[in-house]
Protein backbone atom coordinates (compact mmCIF):
# COMPACT_ATOMS: atom_id res chain seq x y z
CA MET A 1 9.73 -16.74 2.13
CA ASP A 2 12.01 -15.69 -0.70
CA ASP A 3 15.67 -16.77 -0.83
CA GLN A 4 17.12 -13.33 -0.03
CA THR A 5 14.96 -12.96 3.08
CA ARG A 6 15.90 -16.48 4.20
CA ILE A 7 19.59 -15.69 3.74
CA GLU A 8 19.25 -12.47 5.73
CA ILE A 9 17.41 -14.25 8.56
CA GLU A 10 19.99 -17.04 8.63
CA ALA A 11 22.79 -14.46 8.73
CA ALA A 12 21.09 -12.62 11.59
CA ALA A 13 20.68 -15.88 13.52
CA PHE A 14 24.38 -16.67 12.98
CA ARG A 15 25.38 -13.20 14.21
CA ARG A 16 23.22 -13.68 17.30
CA LEU A 17 24.82 -17.09 17.96
CA ARG A 18 28.24 -15.48 17.66
CA GLN A 19 27.23 -12.68 20.04
CA HIS A 20 25.92 -15.22 22.53
CA LEU A 21 29.11 -17.30 22.46
CA MET A 22 31.54 -14.39 22.38
CA ASP A 23 29.88 -11.66 24.46
CA ASP A 24 27.14 -13.22 26.57
CA ARG A 25 28.83 -16.52 27.48
CA PRO A 26 32.61 -16.30 27.04
CA ASP A 27 32.82 -18.37 30.24
CA VAL A 28 31.60 -21.47 28.40
CA GLN A 29 34.71 -23.33 27.39
CA ASN A 30 35.23 -24.65 23.86
CA ILE A 31 35.96 -28.11 25.22
CA ASP A 32 32.58 -28.14 26.99
CA LEU A 33 30.81 -27.06 23.80
CA MET A 34 32.56 -29.79 21.82
CA ASN A 35 31.89 -32.46 24.44
CA LEU A 36 28.20 -31.60 24.73
CA ALA A 37 27.25 -30.37 21.25
CA GLY A 38 29.91 -31.72 18.92
CA PHE A 39 31.07 -28.26 17.82
CA CYS A 40 32.78 -25.24 19.32
CA ARG A 41 33.89 -21.74 18.41
CA ASN A 42 36.85 -23.19 16.47
CA CYS A 43 34.43 -25.24 14.38
CA LEU A 44 32.45 -22.10 13.60
CA GLY A 45 35.68 -20.39 12.53
CA ARG A 46 36.51 -23.39 10.31
CA TRP A 47 33.01 -23.35 8.80
CA TYR A 48 33.46 -19.63 8.10
CA GLN A 49 36.77 -20.41 6.36
CA GLU A 50 35.15 -23.21 4.34
CA ALA A 51 32.25 -20.95 3.30
CA ALA A 52 34.74 -18.31 2.17
CA ALA A 53 36.58 -20.95 0.11
CA ASP A 54 33.27 -21.98 -1.47
CA HIS A 55 33.02 -18.38 -2.67
CA GLY A 56 36.58 -18.34 -4.04
CA ILE A 57 38.03 -16.43 -1.08
CA ALA A 58 41.29 -17.86 0.23
CA MET A 59 41.47 -17.80 4.02
CA THR A 60 43.77 -19.58 6.45
CA LYS A 61 42.53 -21.44 9.49
CA GLU A 62 43.78 -18.60 11.68
CA GLU A 63 42.03 -15.98 9.52
CA GLY A 64 38.78 -17.94 9.79
CA ARG A 65 39.13 -18.12 13.55
CA GLU A 66 39.93 -14.42 13.81
CA ALA A 67 36.88 -13.59 11.70
CA PHE A 68 34.70 -15.51 14.17
CA TYR A 69 36.47 -14.58 17.41
CA GLY A 70 36.91 -10.94 16.44
CA MET A 71 40.52 -11.18 17.59
CA PRO A 72 43.48 -13.52 17.16
CA TYR A 73 42.69 -16.92 18.66
CA ASP A 74 45.72 -16.77 20.97
CA ASP A 75 44.34 -13.55 22.47
CA TRP A 76 40.97 -15.22 23.09
CA LYS A 77 42.66 -18.20 24.74
CA ALA A 78 44.70 -15.94 27.00
CA GLN A 79 41.62 -13.98 28.07
CA HIS A 80 39.02 -16.76 28.41
CA GLN A 81 40.32 -20.30 28.20
CA THR A 82 41.02 -22.37 31.30
CA GLU A 83 42.90 -25.65 31.59
CA ALA A 84 40.70 -28.71 31.14
CA ASP A 85 40.97 -31.73 33.40
CA GLU A 86 41.87 -35.18 32.09
CA THR A 87 38.23 -36.34 32.01
CA LYS A 88 37.23 -33.43 29.75
CA LYS A 89 40.27 -34.01 27.54
CA ALA A 90 39.37 -37.68 27.09
CA ALA A 91 35.76 -36.78 26.28
CA PHE A 92 37.04 -34.19 23.80
CA ASP A 93 39.15 -36.78 21.98
CA THR A 94 36.00 -38.87 21.47
CA ALA A 95 33.82 -35.89 20.48
CA PHE A 96 36.45 -34.59 18.08
CA ALA A 97 36.81 -37.98 16.38
CA GLU A 98 33.05 -38.37 16.09
CA ASN A 99 32.30 -34.86 14.86
CA VAL A 100 35.35 -33.29 13.28
CA GLY A 101 37.19 -36.40 12.21
CA LYS A 102 34.32 -37.37 9.91
CA ASP A 103 34.86 -37.03 6.17
């Protein structure tokens, strides 16, 4: 497979992941994703921001999130996010430290 085809397939897979998380399963909470998989929609927005920076494109954290969410993050939270219980919050602290807190 040539590099351009690989890039296009990877991009298509990313778009399908985004569609799944945003359209097909908006009920799945970010905290549950982080606790189970070590990443969430916010991570994907951050990775988008970091990839833009790697290409010399300045983007804030909020701009990266909006690019992934397709709307301002606060709007997403208002529409889809529910309050997590203390057990989930404690698990999140651990998952965040293990996955995001790494250098």
